C-alpha atoms as a PDB file:
ATOM      1  CA  MET A   1      -5.520 -32.664  -6.632  1.00  0.00           C
ATOM      2  CA  THR A   2      -1.702 -31.661  -5.423  1.00  0.00           C
ATOM      3  CA  ILE A   3      -1.967 -30.190  -1.265  1.00  0.00           C
ATOM      4  CA  ALA A   4       0.788 -28.162  -0.987  1.00  0.00           C
ATOM      5  CA  ALA A   5       2.835 -28.407   2.218  1.00  0.00           C
ATOM      6  CA  ARG A   6       3.661 -25.198   4.181  1.00  0.00           C
ATOM      7  CA  PRO A   7       2.187 -23.248   1.278  1.00  0.00           C
ATOM      8  CA  VAL A   8       2.892 -19.422   0.993  1.00  0.00           C
ATOM      9  CA  LEU A   9      -1.336 -17.558  -0.377  1.00  0.00           C
ATOM     10  CA  VAL A  10      -0.423 -14.957  -3.127  1.00  0.00           C
ATOM     11  CA  VAL A  11      -3.652 -13.320  -3.260  1.00  0.00           C
ATOM     12  CA  ALA A  12      -3.714 -11.225  -5.738  1.00  0.00           C
ATOM     13  CA  GLU A  13      -5.109  -9.926  -9.041  1.00  0.00           C
ATOM     14  CA  ARG A  14      -4.147 -12.720 -12.035  1.00  0.00           C
ATOM     15  CA  LEU A  15      -2.038  -9.467 -13.780  1.00  0.00           C
ATOM     16  CA  ASP A  16      -0.103  -8.159 -10.877  1.00  0.00           C
ATOM     17  CA  ALA A  17       3.700  -7.861 -11.651  1.00  0.00           C
ATOM     18  CA  ALA A  18       4.855  -7.027  -7.728  1.00  0.00           C
ATOM     19  CA  ALA A  19       2.709 -10.844  -7.310  1.00  0.00           C
ATOM     20  CA  ASP A  20       4.893 -12.248 -10.504  1.00  0.00           C
ATOM     21  CA  MET A  21       8.379 -11.387  -8.797  1.00  0.00           C
ATOM     22  CA  VAL A  22       7.674 -12.079  -5.379  1.00  0.00           C
ATOM     23  CA  VAL A  23       5.780 -15.633  -6.853  1.00  0.00           C
ATOM     24  CA  ASP A  24       9.054 -16.312  -8.655  1.00  0.00           C
ATOM     25  CA  GLN A  25      11.355 -15.706  -5.742  1.00  0.00           C
ATOM     26  CA  LEU A  26       9.294 -17.723  -3.433  1.00  0.00           C
ATOM     27  CA  ASN A  27       9.616 -20.381  -6.231  1.00  0.00           C
ATOM     28  CA  GLN A  28      13.327 -20.463  -6.348  1.00  0.00           C
ATOM     29  CA  ARG A  29      13.632 -21.622  -2.515  1.00  0.00           C
ATOM     30  CA  ASP A  30      11.319 -24.167  -3.136  1.00  0.00           C
ATOM     31  CA  VAL A  31       8.162 -22.834  -1.284  1.00  0.00           C
ATOM     32  CA  PRO A  32       5.306 -24.136  -1.971  1.00  0.00           C
ATOM     33  CA  VAL A  33       2.862 -20.946  -3.551  1.00  0.00           C
ATOM     34  CA  ILE A  34      -0.616 -21.129  -4.244  1.00  0.00           C
ATOM     35  CA  ARG A  35      -1.654 -17.766  -6.232  1.00  0.00           C
ATOM     36  CA  PHE A  36      -5.571 -16.743  -6.452  1.00  0.00           C
ATOM     37  CA  ASP A  37      -7.310 -13.508  -6.723  1.00  0.00           C
ATOM     38  CA  ALA A  38     -10.135 -12.794  -4.300  1.00  0.00           C
ATOM     39  CA  ALA A  39     -12.615 -12.273  -7.174  1.00  0.00           C
ATOM     40  CA  THR A  40     -12.447 -16.210  -7.852  1.00  0.00           C
ATOM     41  CA  PHE A  41     -14.114 -16.913  -4.516  1.00  0.00           C
ATOM     42  CA  PRO A  42     -17.074 -18.257  -4.425  1.00  0.00           C
ATOM     43  CA  GLN A  43     -17.205 -19.316  -8.144  1.00  0.00           C
ATOM     44  CA  GLN A  44     -13.741 -20.700  -8.989  1.00  0.00           C
ATOM     45  CA  LEU A  45     -12.641 -21.094  -5.611  1.00  0.00           C
ATOM     46  CA  THR A  46     -13.588 -23.486  -3.294  1.00  0.00           C
ATOM     47  CA  LEU A  47     -13.764 -22.853   0.551  1.00  0.00           C
ATOM     48  CA  THR A  48     -14.528 -25.190   3.349  1.00  0.00           C
ATOM     49  CA  ALA A  49     -13.071 -23.940   7.378  1.00  0.00           C
ATOM     50  CA  GLY A  50     -14.672 -26.005  11.039  1.00  0.00           C
ATOM     51  CA  HIS A  51     -13.491 -25.009  14.167  1.00  0.00           C
ATOM     52  CA  THR A  52     -13.949 -26.624  17.433  1.00  0.00           C
ATOM     53  CA  SER A  53     -12.821 -26.547  20.771  1.00  0.00           C
ATOM     54  CA  ALA A  54     -10.166 -28.967  20.540  1.00  0.00           C
ATOM     55  CA  GLU A  55      -7.798 -26.465  18.257  1.00  0.00           C
ATOM     56  CA  PRO A  56      -7.178 -22.931  18.464  1.00  0.00           C
ATOM     57  CA  GLY A  57      -7.448 -22.086  14.812  1.00  0.00           C
ATOM     58  CA  TRP A  58      -9.372 -23.267  11.732  1.00  0.00           C
ATOM     59  CA  THR A  59      -8.925 -26.177  10.318  1.00  0.00           C
ATOM     60  CA  GLY A  60      -9.756 -27.005   6.214  1.00  0.00           C
ATOM     61  CA  GLY A  61      -9.087 -26.329   2.417  1.00  0.00           C
ATOM     62  CA  LEU A  62      -8.770 -24.173   0.115  1.00  0.00           C
ATOM     63  CA  ASP A  63      -8.963 -25.758  -3.232  1.00  0.00           C
ATOM     64  CA  ASP A  64      -8.644 -23.988  -6.829  1.00  0.00           C
ATOM     65  CA  GLY A  65      -9.491 -27.044  -8.498  1.00  0.00           C
ATOM     66  CA  HIS A  66      -5.968 -27.727  -9.682  1.00  0.00           C
ATOM     67  CA  ARG A  67      -3.762 -27.209  -6.167  1.00  0.00           C
ATOM     68  CA  THR A  68      -5.231 -27.581  -2.320  1.00  0.00           C
ATOM     69  CA  ALA A  69      -3.876 -25.653   0.843  1.00  0.00           C
ATOM     70  CA  ARG A  70      -4.752 -27.112   3.820  1.00  0.00           C
ATOM     71  CA  LEU A  71      -5.592 -24.243   6.519  1.00  0.00           C
ATOM     72  CA  GLU A  72      -3.647 -25.158   9.024  1.00  0.00           C
ATOM     73  CA  ASP A  73      -0.793 -25.753   6.983  1.00  0.00           C
ATOM     74  CA  VAL A  74      -0.587 -22.078   5.509  1.00  0.00           C
ATOM     75  CA  ARG A  75       2.960 -20.094   6.650  1.00  0.00           C
ATOM     76  CA  ALA A  76       1.988 -16.842   5.403  1.00  0.00           C
ATOM     77  CA  VAL A  77      -0.086 -14.696   3.088  1.00  0.00           C
ATOM     78  CA  TYR A  78       0.761 -12.025   0.603  1.00  0.00           C
ATOM     79  CA  TRP A  79      -1.990  -9.561   0.537  1.00  0.00           C
ATOM     80  CA  ARG A  80      -1.737  -7.965  -2.845  1.00  0.00           C
ATOM     81  CA  ARG A  81      -4.209  -5.514  -3.969  1.00  0.00           C
ATOM     82  CA  PRO A  82      -6.676  -8.249  -5.067  1.00  0.00           C
ATOM     83  CA  GLY A  83     -10.146  -8.104  -6.628  1.00  0.00           C
ATOM     84  CA  ARG A  84     -13.214  -8.794  -4.635  1.00  0.00           C
ATOM     85  CA  SER A  85     -15.501 -11.877  -4.350  1.00  0.00           C
ATOM     86  CA  ALA A  86     -17.654 -12.146  -8.034  1.00  0.00           C
ATOM     87  CA  ILE A  87     -21.077 -13.015  -7.204  1.00  0.00           C
ATOM     88  CA  ALA A  88     -22.727 -15.127 -10.021  1.00  0.00           C
ATOM     89  CA  ASP A  89     -24.592 -12.832 -12.211  1.00  0.00           C
ATOM     90  CA  THR A  90     -27.767 -15.108 -12.244  1.00  0.00           C
ATOM     91  CA  VAL A  91     -28.140 -13.892  -8.362  1.00  0.00           C
ATOM     92  CA  PRO A  92     -30.510 -10.563  -8.512  1.00  0.00           C
ATOM     93  CA  GLU A  93     -29.688  -7.891  -6.587  1.00  0.00           C
ATOM     94  CA  PRO A  94     -30.723  -6.938  -3.493  1.00  0.00           C
ATOM     95  CA  TYR A  95     -29.069 -10.293  -2.592  1.00  0.00           C
ATOM     96  CA  ALA A  96     -25.910 -10.502  -5.136  1.00  0.00           C
ATOM     97  CA  THR A  97     -24.411  -7.115  -2.508  1.00  0.00           C
ATOM     98  CA  TRP A  98     -25.428  -9.074   0.366  1.00  0.00           C
ATOM     99  CA  ALA A  99     -23.657 -12.421  -1.117  1.00  0.00           C
ATOM    100  CA  GLN A 100     -20.674 -10.299  -1.988  1.00  0.00           C
ATOM    101  CA  ASN A 101     -20.065  -9.203   1.432  1.00  0.00           C
ATOM    102  CA  GLN A 102     -20.980 -12.425   2.889  1.00  0.00           C
ATOM    103  CA  ALA A 103     -18.277 -13.402   0.564  1.00  0.00           C
ATOM    104  CA  ASP A 104     -15.459 -10.690   1.472  1.00  0.00           C
ATOM    105  CA  ALA A 105     -15.697 -11.225   4.681  1.00  0.00           C
ATOM    106  CA  ALA A 106     -15.678 -15.234   5.085  1.00  0.00           C
ATOM    107  CA  LEU A 107     -12.972 -15.271   2.726  1.00  0.00           C
ATOM    108  CA  LEU A 108     -10.665 -12.684   4.859  1.00  0.00           C
ATOM    109  CA  ASN A 109     -11.693 -12.812   8.405  1.00  0.00           C
ATOM    110  CA  LEU A 110     -10.482 -16.941   8.183  1.00  0.00           C
ATOM    111  CA  LEU A 111      -7.504 -15.593   6.485  1.00  0.00           C
ATOM    112  CA  ALA A 112      -6.471 -13.385   9.460  1.00  0.00           C
ATOM    113  CA  ALA A 113      -8.153 -15.821  12.003  1.00  0.00           C
ATOM    114  CA  LEU A 114      -4.917 -17.895  11.275  1.00  0.00           C
ATOM    115  CA  PRO A 115      -2.462 -18.795  14.225  1.00  0.00           C
ATOM    116  CA  GLY A 116       0.463 -17.750  13.386  1.00  0.00           C
ATOM    117  CA  VAL A 117       0.799 -16.608  10.392  1.00  0.00           C
ATOM    118  CA  ARG A 118       2.979 -13.834   8.174  1.00  0.00           C
ATOM    119  CA  TRP A 119       1.355 -11.504   6.806  1.00  0.00           C
ATOM    120  CA  ILE A 120       2.118  -8.731   4.223  1.00  0.00           C
ATOM    121  CA  ASN A 121       0.068  -6.685   5.542  1.00  0.00           C
ATOM    122  CA  ASN A 122      -3.189  -7.772   6.909  1.00  0.00           C
ATOM    123  CA  PRO A 123      -5.548  -5.552   4.686  1.00  0.00           C
ATOM    124  CA  HIS A 124      -7.165  -5.119   8.698  1.00  0.00           C
ATOM    125  CA  HIS A 125      -4.175  -3.592   9.756  1.00  0.00           C
ATOM    126  CA  ASP A 126      -3.655  -1.626   6.585  1.00  0.00           C
ATOM    127  CA  ARG A 127      -6.946  -0.005   6.588  1.00  0.00           C
ATOM    128  CA  ILE A 128      -6.056   2.069   9.349  1.00  0.00           C
ATOM    129  CA  ALA A 129      -2.450   2.737   8.397  1.00  0.00           C
ATOM    130  CA  ALA A 130      -3.512   4.026   4.963  1.00  0.00           C
ATOM    131  CA  HIS A 131      -5.117   7.450   6.274  1.00  0.00           C
ATOM    132  CA  LYS A 132      -2.999  10.651   5.668  1.00  0.00           C
ATOM    133  CA  PRO A 133      -4.050  12.693   8.794  1.00  0.00           C
ATOM    134  CA  GLN A 134      -3.085   9.767  11.059  1.00  0.00           C
ATOM    135  CA  GLN A 135       0.544   8.987   9.052  1.00  0.00           C
ATOM    136  CA  LEU A 136       1.902  12.102   9.873  1.00  0.00           C
ATOM    137  CA  THR A 137       1.349  12.069  13.758  1.00  0.00           C
ATOM    138  CA  ALA A 138       1.929   9.213  13.791  1.00  0.00           C
ATOM    139  CA  ALA A 139       5.629  10.112  11.732  1.00  0.00           C
ATOM    140  CA  THR A 140       5.942  12.912  14.237  1.00  0.00           C
ATOM    141  CA  LEU A 141       5.753  10.555  16.743  1.00  0.00           C
ATOM    142  CA  CYS A 142       8.170   8.406  15.189  1.00  0.00           C
ATOM    143  CA  GLY A 143      10.479  11.520  14.947  1.00  0.00           C
ATOM    144  CA  LEU A 144      10.630  11.557  11.125  1.00  0.00           C
ATOM    145  CA  ARG A 145      10.628  15.743   9.648  1.00  0.00           C
ATOM    146  CA  VAL A 146       6.384  15.997   8.406  1.00  0.00           C
ATOM    147  CA  PRO A 147       5.771  19.388   5.685  1.00  0.00           C
ATOM    148  CA  ARG A 148       3.441  22.284   7.513  1.00  0.00           C
ATOM    149  CA  SER A 149       0.123  20.460   6.732  1.00  0.00           C
ATOM    150  CA  LEU A 150      -3.606  22.562   7.482  1.00  0.00           C
ATOM    151  CA  ILE A 151      -6.802  20.447   6.309  1.00  0.00           C
ATOM    152  CA  THR A 152     -10.120  22.739   5.903  1.00  0.00           C
ATOM    153  CA  ASN A 153     -13.327  23.761   4.160  1.00  0.00           C
ATOM    154  CA  ASN A 154     -12.225  27.345   5.368  1.00  0.00           C
ATOM    155  CA  PRO A 155     -11.094  30.128   2.956  1.00  0.00           C
ATOM    156  CA  ALA A 156     -10.382  32.318   6.022  1.00  0.00           C
ATOM    157  CA  ALA A 157      -8.454  29.561   7.720  1.00  0.00           C
ATOM    158  CA  ALA A 158      -6.995  28.503   4.296  1.00  0.00           C
ATOM    159  CA  ARG A 159      -5.502  32.565   3.750  1.00  0.00           C
ATOM    160  CA  SER A 160      -4.117  32.199   7.273  1.00  0.00           C
ATOM    161  CA  PHE A 161      -2.219  28.823   6.606  1.00  0.00           C
ATOM    162  CA  ALA A 162      -0.816  30.477   3.336  1.00  0.00           C
ATOM    163  CA  GLN A 163       0.369  33.689   5.480  1.00  0.00           C
ATOM    164  CA  GLN A 164       1.762  31.498   8.119  1.00  0.00           C
ATOM    165  CA  ILE A 165       3.992  29.839   5.420  1.00  0.00           C
ATOM    166  CA  ASN A 166       4.712  32.698   3.218  1.00  0.00           C
ATOM    167  CA  ALA A 167       6.302  30.283   1.012  1.00  0.00           C
ATOM    168  CA  PRO A 168       4.567  27.770  -2.201  1.00  0.00           C
ATOM    169  CA  ILE A 169       1.713  25.808  -0.881  1.00  0.00           C
ATOM    170  CA  ILE A 170       0.753  22.254  -2.907  1.00  0.00           C
ATOM    171  CA  CYS A 171      -2.820  20.812  -2.885  1.00  0.00           C
ATOM    172  CA  LYS A 172      -2.957  16.762  -2.769  1.00  0.00           C
ATOM    173  CA  PRO A 173      -6.267  14.535  -1.920  1.00  0.00           C
ATOM    174  CA  VAL A 174      -7.079  13.575   1.178  1.00  0.00           C
ATOM    175  CA  LEU A 175      -8.207  10.054   0.136  1.00  0.00           C
ATOM    176  CA  GLY A 176      -6.019   8.417  -3.294  1.00  0.00           C
ATOM    177  CA  GLY A 177      -7.854   7.104  -6.231  1.00  0.00           C
ATOM    178  CA  ARG A 178      -8.883   7.725  -8.952  1.00  0.00           C
ATOM    179  CA  LEU A 179     -11.494  10.046 -10.421  1.00  0.00           C
ATOM    180  CA  PRO A 180     -14.698   8.978 -12.641  1.00  0.00           C
ATOM    181  CA  VAL A 181     -14.493  11.595 -15.855  1.00  0.00           C
ATOM    182  CA  ASP A 182     -16.681   9.690 -18.322  1.00  0.00           C
ATOM    183  CA  GLU A 183     -17.938   5.579 -19.355  1.00  0.00           C
ATOM    184  CA  GLY A 184     -14.096   3.500 -19.117  1.00  0.00           C
ATOM    185  CA  ARG A 185     -12.279   6.949 -18.177  1.00  0.00           C
ATOM    186  CA  SER A 186     -10.769   8.366 -15.084  1.00  0.00           C
ATOM    187  CA  LEU A 187      -8.355  10.796 -14.179  1.00  0.00           C
ATOM    188  CA  MET A 188      -5.529  11.371 -10.986  1.00  0.00           C
ATOM    189  CA  VAL A 189      -6.005  13.975  -8.981  1.00  0.00           C
ATOM    190  CA  ALA A 190      -2.520  14.885  -8.752  1.00  0.00           C
ATOM    191  CA  THR A 191      -0.809  17.837  -6.325  1.00  0.00           C
ATOM    192  CA  HIS A 192      -0.374  20.539  -7.662  1.00  0.00           C
ATOM    193  CA  TYR A 193       0.766  24.151  -6.899  1.00  0.00           C
ATOM    194  CA  VAL A 194      -2.158  26.316  -5.151  1.00  0.00           C
ATOM    195  CA  ASP A 195      -2.007  30.183  -5.518  1.00  0.00           C
ATOM    196  CA  PRO A 196      -3.405  32.119  -2.205  1.00  0.00           C
ATOM    197  CA  GLU A 197      -4.871  34.902  -4.144  1.00  0.00           C
ATOM    198  CA  ASP A 198      -7.342  32.116  -5.460  1.00  0.00           C
ATOM    199  CA  PHE A 199      -8.967  31.149  -2.285  1.00  0.00           C
ATOM    200  CA  ASP A 200     -12.843  31.381  -2.412  1.00  0.00           C
ATOM    201  CA  ASP A 201     -15.881  30.504  -0.881  1.00  0.00           C
ATOM    202  CA  SER A 202     -15.357  27.244  -2.854  1.00  0.00           C
ATOM    203  CA  ILE A 203     -13.023  25.862  -0.687  1.00  0.00           C
ATOM    204  CA  HIS A 204     -15.911  25.425   1.294  1.00  0.00           C
ATOM    205  CA  THR A 205     -17.013  22.205  -1.256  1.00  0.00           C
ATOM    206  CA  THR A 206     -15.337  19.595   0.720  1.00  0.00           C
ATOM    207  CA  ALA A 207     -12.020  19.368   2.574  1.00  0.00           C
ATOM    208  CA  HIS A 208      -8.917  20.657   1.077  1.00  0.00           C
ATOM    209  CA  TYR A 209      -5.291  19.308   2.149  1.00  0.00           C
ATOM    210  CA  PHE A 210      -2.849  22.166   1.568  1.00  0.00           C
ATOM    211  CA  GLN A 211       0.785  21.953   2.576  1.00  0.00           C
ATOM    212  CA  GLU A 212       3.804  23.731   2.434  1.00  0.00           C
ATOM    213  CA  ALA A 213       5.680  22.542  -0.489  1.00  0.00           C
ATOM    214  CA  ILE A 214       9.284  20.920   0.475  1.00  0.00           C
ATOM    215  CA  ASP A 215      12.264  22.618  -1.977  1.00  0.00           C
ATOM    216  CA  LYS A 216      13.156  19.092  -3.407  1.00  0.00           C
ATOM    217  CA  ALA A 217      16.683  18.154  -4.509  1.00  0.00           C
ATOM    218  CA  TYR A 218      15.216  14.811  -5.097  1.00  0.00           C
ATOM    219  CA  GLU A 219      13.042  12.527  -3.555  1.00  0.00           C
ATOM    220  CA  VAL A 220      12.775   8.495  -2.500  1.00  0.00           C
ATOM    221  CA  ARG A 221      10.442   5.820  -2.788  1.00  0.00           C
ATOM    222  CA  LEU A 222      11.478   3.509  -0.046  1.00  0.00           C
ATOM    223  CA  VAL A 223      10.465   0.276   0.265  1.00  0.00           C
ATOM    224  CA  ALA A 224       9.937  -1.858   3.713  1.00  0.00           C
ATOM    225  CA  VAL A 225       9.820  -5.396   3.595  1.00  0.00           C
ATOM    226  CA  GLY A 226       9.986  -6.136   7.150  1.00  0.00           C
ATOM    227  CA  SER A 227      13.221  -4.772   9.060  1.00  0.00           C
ATOM    228  CA  GLN A 228      14.720  -3.961   5.658  1.00  0.00           C
ATOM    229  CA  LEU A 229      14.794  -1.070   4.052  1.00  0.00           C
ATOM    230  CA  PHE A 230      15.790  -0.063   0.347  1.00  0.00           C
ATOM    231  CA  GLY A 231      15.432   3.370  -0.957  1.00  0.00           C
ATOM    232  CA  GLY A 232      14.581   4.009  -4.447  1.00  0.00           C
ATOM    233  CA  THR A 233      15.429   8.048  -6.016  1.00  0.00           C
ATOM    234  CA  LEU A 234      13.915  10.093  -8.088  1.00  0.00           C
ATOM    235  CA  HIS A 235      15.399  12.800  -9.691  1.00  0.00           C
ATOM    236  CA  THR A 236      12.784  14.596 -11.727  1.00  0.00           C
ATOM    237  CA  THR A 237      13.908  17.100 -15.204  1.00  0.00           C
ATOM    238  CA  SER A 238      10.311  18.970 -15.219  1.00  0.00           C
ATOM    239  CA  GLU A 239       8.175  20.949 -13.406  1.00  0.00           C
ATOM    240  CA  GLN A 240       5.403  18.771 -13.746  1.00  0.00           C
ATOM    241  CA  ALA A 241       7.507  15.982 -12.755  1.00  0.00           C
ATOM    242  CA  ARG A 242       9.231  18.155  -9.649  1.00  0.00           C
ATOM    243  CA  THR A 243       5.556  18.814  -8.439  1.00  0.00           C
ATOM    244  CA  ASP A 244       3.906  14.844  -8.457  1.00  0.00           C
ATOM    245  CA  TRP A 245       6.459  12.752 -10.339  1.00  0.00           C
ATOM    246  CA  ARG A 246       3.685  10.164 -11.208  1.00  0.00           C
ATOM    247  CA  THR A 247       2.224  12.849 -13.972  1.00  0.00           C
ATOM    248  CA  ASP A 248       5.957  13.118 -16.342  1.00  0.00           C
ATOM    249  CA  TYR A 249       7.741   9.182 -16.068  1.00  0.00           C
ATOM    250  CA  GLU A 250       9.546  10.330 -19.202  1.00  0.00           C
ATOM    251  CA  HIS A 251      11.042  13.298 -16.997  1.00  0.00           C
ATOM    252  CA  ILE A 252      12.790  10.712 -13.704  1.00  0.00           C
ATOM    253  CA  GLU A 253      16.457   9.587 -13.381  1.00  0.00           C
ATOM    254  CA  TYR A 254      16.346   6.404 -11.250  1.00  0.00           C
ATOM    255  CA  GLY A 255      19.092   5.645  -8.395  1.00  0.00           C
ATOM    256  CA  THR A 256      19.274   4.185  -5.350  1.00  0.00           C
ATOM    257  CA  SER A 257      20.480   6.211  -1.960  1.00  0.00           C
ATOM    258  CA  PRO A 258      21.618   4.788   1.961  1.00  0.00           C
ATOM    259  CA  VAL A 259      18.767   5.543   4.220  1.00  0.00           C
ATOM    260  CA  PRO A 260      20.348   7.364   6.930  1.00  0.00           C
ATOM    261  CA  SER A 261      20.284   6.350  10.995  1.00  0.00           C
ATOM    262  CA  HIS A 262      17.608   8.310  11.896  1.00  0.00           C
ATOM    263  CA  VAL A 263      14.795   7.366   9.205  1.00  0.00           C
ATOM    264  CA  VAL A 264      15.833   3.835   9.559  1.00  0.00           C
ATOM    265  CA  SER A 265      14.674   4.273  13.128  1.00  0.00           C
ATOM    266  CA  GLY A 266      11.686   6.407  12.203  1.00  0.00           C
ATOM    267  CA  VAL A 267      10.369   3.744   9.709  1.00  0.00           C
ATOM    268  CA  ARG A 268      10.878   0.485  11.488  1.00  0.00           C
ATOM    269  CA  ARG A 269       8.854   2.729  14.663  1.00  0.00           C
ATOM    270  CA  PHE A 270       6.157   4.333  12.018  1.00  0.00           C
ATOM    271  CA  LEU A 271       5.873   0.184  10.867  1.00  0.00           C
ATOM    272  CA  ALA A 272       5.768  -1.395  13.995  1.00  0.00           C
ATOM    273  CA  HIS A 273       3.136   1.300  15.305  1.00  0.00           C
ATOM    274  CA  TYR A 274       0.450   0.396  12.706  1.00  0.00           C
ATOM    275  CA  GLY A 275       1.209  -3.339  12.520  1.00  0.00           C
ATOM    276  CA  ILE A 276       2.398  -3.656   9.746  1.00  0.00           C
ATOM    277  CA  VAL A 277       5.913  -4.770   7.870  1.00  0.00           C
ATOM    278  CA  PHE A 278       5.420  -3.622   4.391  1.00  0.00           C
ATOM    279  CA  GLY A 279       5.120   0.057   3.067  1.00  0.00           C
ATOM    280  CA  SER A 280       6.119   2.641   0.191  1.00  0.00           C
ATOM    281  CA  PHE A 281       7.073   5.738   1.693  1.00  0.00           C
ATOM    282  CA  ASP A 282       7.244   8.888   0.325  1.00  0.00           C
ATOM    283  CA  PHE A 283       9.926  11.511   0.797  1.00  0.00           C
ATOM    284  CA  ALA A 284      11.331  14.496  -0.060  1.00  0.00           C
ATOM    285  CA  VAL A 285      15.322  15.010   0.261  1.00  0.00           C
ATOM    286  CA  THR A 286      15.940  18.807   1.137  1.00  0.00           C
ATOM    287  CA  PRO A 287      19.285  20.723  -0.510  1.00  0.00           C
ATOM    288  CA  ASP A 288      20.639  20.406   2.896  1.00  0.00           C
ATOM    289  CA  ASP A 289      20.394  16.374   2.663  1.00  0.00           C
ATOM    290  CA  GLU A 290      17.112  16.585   4.983  1.00  0.00           C
ATOM    291  CA  TRP A 291      14.678  14.011   4.799  1.00  0.00           C
ATOM    292  CA  VAL A 292      10.677  15.125   5.191  1.00  0.00           C
ATOM    293  CA  PHE A 293       8.408  12.608   5.126  1.00  0.00           C
ATOM    294  CA  PHE A 294       5.113  13.126   2.872  1.00  0.00           C
ATOM    295  CA  GLU A 295       3.343   9.361   3.335  1.00  0.00           C
ATOM    296  CA  ASN A 296       3.051   5.877   3.201  1.00  0.00           C
ATOM    297  CA  ASN A 297       0.685   3.823   1.095  1.00  0.00           C
ATOM    298  CA  PRO A 298       0.899   0.304   2.502  1.00  0.00           C
ATOM    299  CA  ALA A 299       0.036  -1.420  -0.387  1.00  0.00           C
ATOM    300  CA  GLY A 300       1.785   0.659  -2.676  1.00  0.00           C
ATOM    301  CA  THR A 301       3.639  -0.073  -5.790  1.00  0.00           C
ATOM    302  CA  TRP A 302       7.646  -1.486  -5.600  1.00  0.00           C
ATOM    303  CA  ALA A 303       7.933  -3.203  -8.899  1.00  0.00           C
ATOM    304  CA  TRP A 304       9.000  -0.275 -11.007  1.00  0.00           C
ATOM    305  CA  VAL A 305      11.587   0.725  -8.270  1.00  0.00           C
ATOM    306  CA  GLU A 306      13.055  -2.976  -8.707  1.00  0.00           C
ATOM    307  CA  ASN A 307      13.037  -2.936 -12.009  1.00  0.00           C
ATOM    308  CA  ARG A 308      14.983   0.603 -12.305  1.00  0.00           C
ATOM    309  CA  THR A 309      17.664  -0.127  -9.830  1.00  0.00           C
ATOM    310  CA  GLY A 310      17.834  -3.272  -9.237  1.00  0.00           C
ATOM    311  CA  LEU A 311      17.418  -3.524  -5.612  1.00  0.00           C
ATOM    312  CA  PRO A 312      16.233  -6.663  -4.339  1.00  0.00           C
ATOM    313  CA  ILE A 313      12.779  -5.780  -2.866  1.00  0.00           C
ATOM    314  CA  ALA A 314      11.099  -9.416  -4.200  1.00  0.00           C
ATOM    315  CA  ALA A 315      14.008 -10.957  -2.983  1.00  0.00           C
ATOM    316  CA  ALA A 316      13.359  -9.255   0.657  1.00  0.00           C
ATOM    317  CA  HIS A 317       9.397 -10.671   0.398  1.00  0.00           C
ATOM    318  CA  ALA A 318       9.990 -14.000  -0.121  1.00  0.00           C
ATOM    319  CA  ASP A 319      12.374 -14.159   2.403  1.00  0.00           C
ATOM    320  CA  TYR A 320       9.786 -12.392   5.037  1.00  0.00           C
ATOM    321  CA  LEU A 321       7.244 -14.768   3.940  1.00  0.00           C
ATOM    322  CA  LYS A 322       9.859 -18.417   4.084  1.00  0.00           C
ATOM    323  CA  GLY A 323      10.589 -17.357   7.379  1.00  0.00           C
ATOM    324  CA  GLU A 324      13.985 -16.259   7.075  1.00  0.00           C
ATOM    325  CA  THR A 325      13.935 -12.506   8.076  1.00  0.00           C
ATOM    326  CA  GLU A 326      12.507 -10.222  10.209  1.00  0.00           C
END
């Protein structure tokens, strides 16, 4: 059994391109890595942790059957969309759900309790940072321009908003995620244009998130890793991609862009506001070269940005996790 000295824990699904790239960069720096998916706990991963008044943190180990990490030696954690703990099929309900909740809480909260450990990102902070309505407030406080927006289930309020904007309007989900449509298939609910003439009592059925449509010269997926910011540009060549580039990848041309100093300052303040060091930010850049903040995904994808542009995002992750950058 190998005991890794001062390891970085990479907690991610087995098939995750971003995690693969970060592990490769850490290996190039001779940083010990123990990678596992939270879904392997408790069946394949063993956790033993103890606490006494003699030490501020928990001591013990994580053992995957091949390598062991002493909890007190962990230098950093890269928490990258892992699965939930998987309980043995032999455990019946309701005990299986109870056991899964216990396992999830134990693994995450013990790691979060380790003193002096760097995180990309601590999931406790991620959960708050992912709330879209709060993001607009934070972005505004941090000096970033945001679209005029309305969240309502009131048709009259929606019509009044449309009259105030007097320009095209889009609707988008308040909460991200996919919509199950049938067995084994799901649908992404994309940003789409709406016609105020169609606003009717169906708006009462749930909360609707309306925004003014921003006139875009191009869009930017801005990836922040600690103090480093990387601007990957998306020039769309179809109306569908211009509305929501996630719906038409074949009509996107990729590039890079320097990030204006006021956007750099605003993004850094935004990260500090939430106590996170990583984010995948979506901006539109207007024909007048004004950057408009849409949202930030604190666990967003970025491997495709590096693969398409060559921006050294994985290296920035590794440098931060190793402790070489802020």
